[in-house]
Structures are given as structure tokens and as C-alpha cells.
All heavy atoms as atom14 arrays in JSON, in Angstrom:
{
  "sequence": "TTSSVLNISNPQALMQLVGLSTAPSTPVTITVWNSYS",
  "atom14_mask": [
    [1, 1, 1, 1, 1, 1, 1, 0, 0, 0, 0, 0, 0, 0],
    [1, 1, 1, 1, 1, 1, 1, 0, 0, 0, 0, 0, 0, 0],
    [1, 1, 1, 1, 1, 1, 0, 0, 0, 0, 0, 0, 0, 0],
    [1, 1, 1, 1, 1, 1, 0, 0, 0, 0, 0, 0, 0, 0],
    [1, 1, 1, 1, 1, 1, 1, 0, 0, 0, 0, 0, 0, 0],
    [1, 1, 1, 1, 1, 1, 1, 1, 0, 0, 0, 0, 0, 0],
    [1, 1, 1, 1, 1, 1, 1, 1, 0, 0, 0, 0, 0, 0],
    [1, 1, 1, 1, 1, 1, 1, 1, 0, 0, 0, 0, 0, 0],
    [1, 1, 1, 1, 1, 1, 0, 0, 0, 0, 0, 0, 0, 0],
    [1, 1, 1, 1, 1, 1, 1, 1, 0, 0, 0, 0, 0, 0],
    [1, 1, 1, 1, 1, 1, 1, 0, 0, 0, 0, 0, 0, 0],
    [1, 1, 1, 1, 1, 1, 1, 1, 1, 0, 0, 0, 0, 0],
    [1, 1, 1, 1, 1, 0, 0, 0, 0, 0, 0, 0, 0, 0],
    [1, 1, 1, 1, 1, 1, 1, 1, 0, 0, 0, 0, 0, 0],
    [1, 1, 1, 1, 1, 1, 1, 1, 0, 0, 0, 0, 0, 0],
    [1, 1, 1, 1, 1, 1, 1, 1, 1, 0, 0, 0, 0, 0],
    [1, 1, 1, 1, 1, 1, 1, 1, 0, 0, 0, 0, 0, 0],
    [1, 1, 1, 1, 1, 1, 1, 0, 0, 0, 0, 0, 0, 0],
    [1, 1, 1, 1, 0, 0, 0, 0, 0, 0, 0, 0, 0, 0],
    [1, 1, 1, 1, 1, 1, 1, 1, 0, 0, 0, 0, 0, 0],
    [1, 1, 1, 1, 1, 1, 0, 0, 0, 0, 0, 0, 0, 0],
    [1, 1, 1, 1, 1, 1, 1, 0, 0, 0, 0, 0, 0, 0],
    [1, 1, 1, 1, 1, 0, 0, 0, 0, 0, 0, 0, 0, 0],
    [1, 1, 1, 1, 1, 1, 1, 0, 0, 0, 0, 0, 0, 0],
    [1, 1, 1, 1, 1, 1, 0, 0, 0, 0, 0, 0, 0, 0],
    [1, 1, 1, 1, 1, 1, 1, 0, 0, 0, 0, 0, 0, 0],
    [1, 1, 1, 1, 1, 1, 1, 0, 0, 0, 0, 0, 0, 0],
    [1, 1, 1, 1, 1, 1, 1, 0, 0, 0, 0, 0, 0, 0],
    [1, 1, 1, 1, 1, 1, 1, 0, 0, 0, 0, 0, 0, 0],
    [1, 1, 1, 1, 1, 1, 1, 1, 0, 0, 0, 0, 0, 0],
    [1, 1, 1, 1, 1, 1, 1, 0, 0, 0, 0, 0, 0, 0],
    [1, 1, 1, 1, 1, 1, 1, 0, 0, 0, 0, 0, 0, 0],
    [1, 1, 1, 1, 1, 1, 1, 1, 1, 1, 1, 1, 1, 1],
    [1, 1, 1, 1, 1, 1, 1, 1, 0, 0, 0, 0, 0, 0],
    [1, 1, 1, 1, 1, 1, 0, 0, 0, 0, 0, 0, 0, 0],
    [1, 1, 1, 1, 1, 1, 1, 1, 1, 1, 1, 1, 0, 0],
    [1, 1, 1, 1, 1, 1, 0, 0, 0, 0, 0, 0, 0, 0]
  ],
  "atom14_positions": [
    [[87.81, 67.54, 99.27], [89.01, 67.99, 99.96], [89.17, 69.49, 99.84], [89.08, 70.07, 98.77], [90.26, 67.32, 99.36], [90.34, 67.64, 97.98], [90.18, 65.8, 99.51], [0.0, 0.0, 0.0], [0.0, 0.0, 0.0], [0.0, 0.0, 0.0], [0.0, 0.0, 0.0], [0.0, 0.0, 0.0], [0.0, 0.0, 0.0], [0.0, 0.0, 0.0]],
    [[89.39, 70.15, 100.96], [89.73, 71.57, 100.98], [90.88, 71.76, 101.95], [91.17, 70.89, 102.77], [88.53, 72.43, 101.43], [88.08, 71.96, 102.71], [87.39, 72.34, 100.44], [0.0, 0.0, 0.0], [0.0, 0.0, 0.0], [0.0, 0.0, 0.0], [0.0, 0.0, 0.0], [0.0, 0.0, 0.0], [0.0, 0.0, 0.0], [0.0, 0.0, 0.0]],
    [[91.53, 72.9, 101.87], [92.67, 73.14, 102.74], [92.21, 73.35, 104.18], [91.28, 74.1, 104.45], [93.44, 74.37, 102.27], [94.43, 74.72, 103.2], [0.0, 0.0, 0.0], [0.0, 0.0, 0.0], [0.0, 0.0, 0.0], [0.0, 0.0, 0.0], [0.0, 0.0, 0.0], [0.0, 0.0, 0.0], [0.0, 0.0, 0.0], [0.0, 0.0, 0.0]],
    [[92.86, 72.68, 105.11], [92.53, 72.83, 106.52], [93.41, 73.89, 107.16], [93.23, 74.23, 108.33], [92.72, 71.49, 107.24], [94.06, 71.04, 107.1], [0.0, 0.0, 0.0], [0.0, 0.0, 0.0], [0.0, 0.0, 0.0], [0.0, 0.0, 0.0], [0.0, 0.0, 0.0], [0.0, 0.0, 0.0], [0.0, 0.0, 0.0], [0.0, 0.0, 0.0]],
    [[94.39, 74.4, 106.4], [95.32, 75.37, 106.96], [94.87, 76.79, 106.68], [94.89, 77.65, 107.56], [96.74, 75.14, 106.37], [97.7, 76.18, 106.92], [97.23, 73.74, 106.69], [0.0, 0.0, 0.0], [0.0, 0.0, 0.0], [0.0, 0.0, 0.0], [0.0, 0.0, 0.0], [0.0, 0.0, 0.0], [0.0, 0.0, 0.0], [0.0, 0.0, 0.0]],
    [[94.44, 77.06, 105.46], [94.08, 78.41, 105.06], [92.63, 78.71, 105.43], [91.74, 77.9, 105.21], [94.27, 78.58, 103.56], [95.71, 78.42, 103.05], [95.71, 78.36, 101.54], [96.59, 79.55, 103.54], [0.0, 0.0, 0.0], [0.0, 0.0, 0.0], [0.0, 0.0, 0.0], [0.0, 0.0, 0.0], [0.0, 0.0, 0.0], [0.0, 0.0, 0.0]],
    [[92.4, 79.87, 105.98], [91.04, 80.3, 106.32], [90.91, 81.75, 105.88], [91.27, 82.67, 106.61], [90.77, 80.17, 107.81], [89.34, 80.55, 108.17], [88.57, 80.98, 107.31], [88.98, 80.41, 109.43], [0.0, 0.0, 0.0], [0.0, 0.0, 0.0], [0.0, 0.0, 0.0], [0.0, 0.0, 0.0], [0.0, 0.0, 0.0], [0.0, 0.0, 0.0]],
    [[90.4, 81.94, 104.67], [90.31, 83.31, 104.15], [88.99, 83.97, 104.51], [88.63, 85.0, 103.96], [90.53, 83.33, 102.62], [89.5, 82.48, 101.89], [91.93, 82.88, 102.27], [89.59, 82.6, 100.37], [0.0, 0.0, 0.0], [0.0, 0.0, 0.0], [0.0, 0.0, 0.0], [0.0, 0.0, 0.0], [0.0, 0.0, 0.0], [0.0, 0.0, 0.0]],
    [[88.28, 83.38, 105.47], [87.07, 84.01, 105.99], [87.33, 84.67, 107.34], [86.53, 85.47, 107.81], [85.95, 82.98, 106.13], [85.61, 82.42, 104.88], [0.0, 0.0, 0.0], [0.0, 0.0, 0.0], [0.0, 0.0, 0.0], [0.0, 0.0, 0.0], [0.0, 0.0, 0.0], [0.0, 0.0, 0.0], [0.0, 0.0, 0.0], [0.0, 0.0, 0.0]],
    [[88.45, 84.32, 107.97], [88.79, 84.85, 109.29], [89.63, 86.11, 109.15], [90.71, 86.07, 108.55], [89.55, 83.79, 110.09], [89.92, 84.28, 111.47], [90.92, 84.97, 111.64], [89.12, 83.92, 112.45], [0.0, 0.0, 0.0], [0.0, 0.0, 0.0], [0.0, 0.0, 0.0], [0.0, 0.0, 0.0], [0.0, 0.0, 0.0], [0.0, 0.0, 0.0]],
    [[89.18, 87.25, 109.69], [89.9, 88.51, 109.51], [91.35, 88.46, 109.99], [92.25, 88.93, 109.29], [89.08, 89.51, 110.32], [87.69, 88.94, 110.3], [87.88, 87.46, 110.36], [0.0, 0.0, 0.0], [0.0, 0.0, 0.0], [0.0, 0.0, 0.0], [0.0, 0.0, 0.0], [0.0, 0.0, 0.0], [0.0, 0.0, 0.0], [0.0, 0.0, 0.0]],
    [[91.58, 87.91, 111.17], [92.94, 87.87, 111.69], [93.85, 86.98, 110.84], [95.0, 87.32, 110.57], [92.94, 87.38, 113.14], [94.26, 87.59, 113.87], [94.68, 89.06, 113.93], [93.85, 89.95, 114.1], [95.98, 89.31, 113.77], [0.0, 0.0, 0.0], [0.0, 0.0, 0.0], [0.0, 0.0, 0.0], [0.0, 0.0, 0.0], [0.0, 0.0, 0.0]],
    [[93.29, 85.85, 110.39], [94.07, 84.95, 109.55], [94.41, 85.61, 108.22], [95.52, 85.44, 107.69], [93.3, 83.66, 109.31], [0.0, 0.0, 0.0], [0.0, 0.0, 0.0], [0.0, 0.0, 0.0], [0.0, 0.0, 0.0], [0.0, 0.0, 0.0], [0.0, 0.0, 0.0], [0.0, 0.0, 0.0], [0.0, 0.0, 0.0], [0.0, 0.0, 0.0]],
    [[93.48, 86.39, 107.69], [93.74, 87.09, 106.43], [94.84, 88.13, 106.59], [95.7, 88.27, 105.72], [92.45, 87.77, 105.95], [91.54, 86.97, 105.02], [90.3, 87.77, 104.66], [92.29, 86.6, 103.75], [0.0, 0.0, 0.0], [0.0, 0.0, 0.0], [0.0, 0.0, 0.0], [0.0, 0.0, 0.0], [0.0, 0.0, 0.0], [0.0, 0.0, 0.0]],
    [[94.82, 88.84, 107.68], [95.86, 89.84, 107.91], [97.23, 89.19, 108.02], [98.22, 89.67, 107.47], [95.53, 90.65, 109.17], [94.35, 91.6, 108.99], [93.9, 92.48, 110.5], [95.41, 93.33, 110.88], [0.0, 0.0, 0.0], [0.0, 0.0, 0.0], [0.0, 0.0, 0.0], [0.0, 0.0, 0.0], [0.0, 0.0, 0.0], [0.0, 0.0, 0.0]],
    [[97.29, 88.08, 108.74], [98.56, 87.38, 108.88], [99.05, 86.84, 107.53], [100.25, 86.82, 107.26], [98.4, 86.24, 109.88], [98.17, 86.7, 111.31], [97.92, 85.56, 112.28], [97.81, 84.41, 111.87], [97.82, 85.89, 113.57], [0.0, 0.0, 0.0], [0.0, 0.0, 0.0], [0.0, 0.0, 0.0], [0.0, 0.0, 0.0], [0.0, 0.0, 0.0]],
    [[98.1, 86.43, 106.69], [98.45, 85.89, 105.39], [99.16, 86.91, 104.51], [100.02, 86.56, 103.69], [97.18, 85.39, 104.69], [97.35, 84.51, 103.45], [98.11, 83.23, 103.79], [95.99, 84.17, 102.85], [0.0, 0.0, 0.0], [0.0, 0.0, 0.0], [0.0, 0.0, 0.0], [0.0, 0.0, 0.0], [0.0, 0.0, 0.0], [0.0, 0.0, 0.0]],
    [[98.83, 88.2, 104.69], [99.47, 89.25, 103.88], [100.57, 89.97, 104.65], [101.06, 91.01, 104.2], [98.42, 90.26, 103.36], [97.37, 89.55, 102.54], [97.78, 91.05, 104.5], [0.0, 0.0, 0.0], [0.0, 0.0, 0.0], [0.0, 0.0, 0.0], [0.0, 0.0, 0.0], [0.0, 0.0, 0.0], [0.0, 0.0, 0.0], [0.0, 0.0, 0.0]],
    [[100.93, 89.43, 105.83], [102.06, 89.99, 106.57], [101.73, 91.09, 107.54], [102.6, 91.9, 107.89], [0.0, 0.0, 0.0], [0.0, 0.0, 0.0], [0.0, 0.0, 0.0], [0.0, 0.0, 0.0], [0.0, 0.0, 0.0], [0.0, 0.0, 0.0], [0.0, 0.0, 0.0], [0.0, 0.0, 0.0], [0.0, 0.0, 0.0], [0.0, 0.0, 0.0]],
    [[100.47, 91.14, 108.01], [100.08, 92.14, 109.0], [99.74, 91.46, 110.32], [98.89, 90.57, 110.36], [98.86, 92.94, 108.51], [99.08, 93.91, 107.35], [97.74, 94.51, 106.91], [100.05, 95.02, 107.74], [0.0, 0.0, 0.0], [0.0, 0.0, 0.0], [0.0, 0.0, 0.0], [0.0, 0.0, 0.0], [0.0, 0.0, 0.0], [0.0, 0.0, 0.0]],
    [[100.37, 91.9, 111.4], [100.05, 91.34, 112.72], [98.95, 92.13, 113.4], [98.15, 91.58, 114.17], [101.3, 91.32, 113.6], [101.86, 92.62, 113.69], [0.0, 0.0, 0.0], [0.0, 0.0, 0.0], [0.0, 0.0, 0.0], [0.0, 0.0, 0.0], [0.0, 0.0, 0.0], [0.0, 0.0, 0.0], [0.0, 0.0, 0.0], [0.0, 0.0, 0.0]],
    [[98.89, 93.44, 113.11], [97.84, 94.29, 113.66], [97.35, 95.25, 112.57], [98.04, 95.49, 111.58], [98.35, 95.12, 114.85], [99.46, 95.94, 114.4], [98.82, 94.21, 115.99], [0.0, 0.0, 0.0], [0.0, 0.0, 0.0], [0.0, 0.0, 0.0], [0.0, 0.0, 0.0], [0.0, 0.0, 0.0], [0.0, 0.0, 0.0], [0.0, 0.0, 0.0]],
    [[96.18, 95.8, 112.79], [95.64, 96.76, 111.84], [96.42, 98.06, 111.91], [96.86, 98.48, 113.0], [94.16, 97.01, 112.13], [0.0, 0.0, 0.0], [0.0, 0.0, 0.0], [0.0, 0.0, 0.0], [0.0, 0.0, 0.0], [0.0, 0.0, 0.0], [0.0, 0.0, 0.0], [0.0, 0.0, 0.0], [0.0, 0.0, 0.0], [0.0, 0.0, 0.0]],
    [[96.62, 98.74, 110.8], [97.33, 100.02, 110.82], [96.52, 101.07, 111.58], [95.3, 100.97, 111.7], [97.46, 100.38, 109.34], [96.4, 99.59, 108.65], [96.24, 98.34, 109.43], [0.0, 0.0, 0.0], [0.0, 0.0, 0.0], [0.0, 0.0, 0.0], [0.0, 0.0, 0.0], [0.0, 0.0, 0.0], [0.0, 0.0, 0.0], [0.0, 0.0, 0.0]],
    [[97.21, 102.07, 112.09], [96.55, 103.09, 112.92], [95.74, 104.08, 112.1], [94.83, 104.73, 112.64], [97.61, 103.84, 113.73], [98.58, 104.42, 112.86], [0.0, 0.0, 0.0], [0.0, 0.0, 0.0], [0.0, 0.0, 0.0], [0.0, 0.0, 0.0], [0.0, 0.0, 0.0], [0.0, 0.0, 0.0], [0.0, 0.0, 0.0], [0.0, 0.0, 0.0]],
    [[96.04, 104.21, 110.82], [95.28, 105.13, 109.96], [94.55, 104.34, 108.88], [95.04, 103.31, 108.42], [96.21, 106.16, 109.3], [97.22, 105.47, 108.56], [96.87, 107.04, 110.35], [0.0, 0.0, 0.0], [0.0, 0.0, 0.0], [0.0, 0.0, 0.0], [0.0, 0.0, 0.0], [0.0, 0.0, 0.0], [0.0, 0.0, 0.0], [0.0, 0.0, 0.0]],
    [[93.38, 104.82, 108.45], [92.61, 104.09, 107.43], [93.36, 103.98, 106.11], [94.16, 104.86, 105.75], [91.35, 104.96, 107.27], [91.26, 105.75, 108.52], [92.66, 106.0, 108.95], [0.0, 0.0, 0.0], [0.0, 0.0, 0.0], [0.0, 0.0, 0.0], [0.0, 0.0, 0.0], [0.0, 0.0, 0.0], [0.0, 0.0, 0.0], [0.0, 0.0, 0.0]],
    [[93.1, 102.89, 105.41], [93.7, 102.64, 104.1], [92.56, 102.57, 103.08], [91.62, 101.78, 103.24], [94.5, 101.32, 104.09], [95.03, 101.05, 102.69], [95.62, 101.38, 105.11], [0.0, 0.0, 0.0], [0.0, 0.0, 0.0], [0.0, 0.0, 0.0], [0.0, 0.0, 0.0], [0.0, 0.0, 0.0], [0.0, 0.0, 0.0], [0.0, 0.0, 0.0]],
    [[92.64, 103.37, 102.04], [91.59, 103.43, 101.01], [92.03, 102.67, 99.77], [93.15, 102.83, 99.29], [91.26, 104.88, 100.63], [90.8, 105.58, 101.79], [90.19, 104.93, 99.55], [0.0, 0.0, 0.0], [0.0, 0.0, 0.0], [0.0, 0.0, 0.0], [0.0, 0.0, 0.0], [0.0, 0.0, 0.0], [0.0, 0.0, 0.0], [0.0, 0.0, 0.0]],
    [[91.13, 101.82, 99.26], [91.39, 101.13, 98.0], [90.23, 101.42, 97.04], [89.08, 101.55, 97.45], [91.57, 99.61, 98.17], [90.31, 98.97, 98.78], [92.78, 99.29, 99.0], [90.35, 97.45, 98.81], [0.0, 0.0, 0.0], [0.0, 0.0, 0.0], [0.0, 0.0, 0.0], [0.0, 0.0, 0.0], [0.0, 0.0, 0.0], [0.0, 0.0, 0.0]],
    [[90.56, 101.53, 95.76], [89.56, 101.74, 94.72], [89.26, 100.41, 94.05], [90.17, 99.63, 93.76], [90.05, 102.76, 93.69], [91.35, 102.37, 93.23], [90.13, 104.15, 94.3], [0.0, 0.0, 0.0], [0.0, 0.0, 0.0], [0.0, 0.0, 0.0], [0.0, 0.0, 0.0], [0.0, 0.0, 0.0], [0.0, 0.0, 0.0], [0.0, 0.0, 0.0]],
    [[87.98, 100.16, 93.78], [87.56, 98.89, 93.2], [86.64, 99.16, 92.02], [85.67, 99.91, 92.14], [86.81, 98.02, 94.24], [86.28, 96.74, 93.6], [87.72, 97.69, 95.42], [0.0, 0.0, 0.0], [0.0, 0.0, 0.0], [0.0, 0.0, 0.0], [0.0, 0.0, 0.0], [0.0, 0.0, 0.0], [0.0, 0.0, 0.0], [0.0, 0.0, 0.0]],
    [[86.95, 98.54, 90.88], [86.05, 98.57, 89.73], [85.26, 97.28, 89.7], [85.83, 96.18, 89.63], [86.86, 98.72, 88.44], [87.21, 100.15, 88.13], [87.06, 101.22, 88.95], [87.78, 100.64, 86.92], [87.52, 102.35, 88.33], [87.95, 102.03, 87.08], [88.16, 100.05, 85.72], [88.49, 102.83, 86.07], [88.7, 100.85, 84.72], [88.86, 102.22, 84.89]],
    [[83.95, 97.42, 89.75], [83.03, 96.3, 89.88], [82.32, 96.08, 88.54], [81.79, 97.02, 87.95], [82.03, 96.65, 90.99], [80.8, 95.77, 91.03], [80.21, 95.43, 90.01], [80.36, 95.44, 92.23], [0.0, 0.0, 0.0], [0.0, 0.0, 0.0], [0.0, 0.0, 0.0], [0.0, 0.0, 0.0], [0.0, 0.0, 0.0], [0.0, 0.0, 0.0]],
    [[82.29, 94.84, 88.07], [81.66, 94.53, 86.78], [80.48, 93.58, 86.92], [80.11, 92.88, 85.99], [82.7, 93.92, 85.82], [83.27, 92.74, 86.37], [0.0, 0.0, 0.0], [0.0, 0.0, 0.0], [0.0, 0.0, 0.0], [0.0, 0.0, 0.0], [0.0, 0.0, 0.0], [0.0, 0.0, 0.0], [0.0, 0.0, 0.0], [0.0, 0.0, 0.0]],
    [[79.89, 93.54, 88.11], [78.77, 92.64, 88.37], [77.47, 93.13, 87.73], [77.28, 94.32, 87.48], [78.53, 92.49, 89.87], [79.54, 91.63, 90.59], [80.33, 92.15, 91.6], [79.69, 90.28, 90.27], [81.25, 91.35, 92.28], [80.59, 89.48, 90.94], [81.37, 90.02, 91.95], [82.28, 89.23, 92.62], [0.0, 0.0, 0.0], [0.0, 0.0, 0.0]],
    [[76.55, 92.17, 87.53], [75.2, 92.48, 87.07], [74.37, 92.95, 88.26], [74.84, 92.96, 89.4], [74.56, 91.24, 86.45], [74.35, 90.25, 87.46], [0.0, 0.0, 0.0], [0.0, 0.0, 0.0], [0.0, 0.0, 0.0], [0.0, 0.0, 0.0], [0.0, 0.0, 0.0], [0.0, 0.0, 0.0], [0.0, 0.0, 0.0], [0.0, 0.0, 0.0]]
  ]
}
């Protein structure tokens, strides 16, 4: 069983999930610390 409602692989669905209907007009930069091998 997996959720049939949530689709966190679809870009538009992801944006809607966080409250965005459209992409912002200016780029947004995020910093990420990666601990992978």
C-alpha cells in the first residue's frame, strides 16, 4: 500500500504541496550540506 494522493515525483504537484501555484519570477538559492559516501 502506498498513497494514491501524494506524488512527490511530479514537479507541479510538489509546488502545490508547499503552497506554490507558479514558479517565482526570480531564482531561489538554497544551500545543502551533503554527507553521502
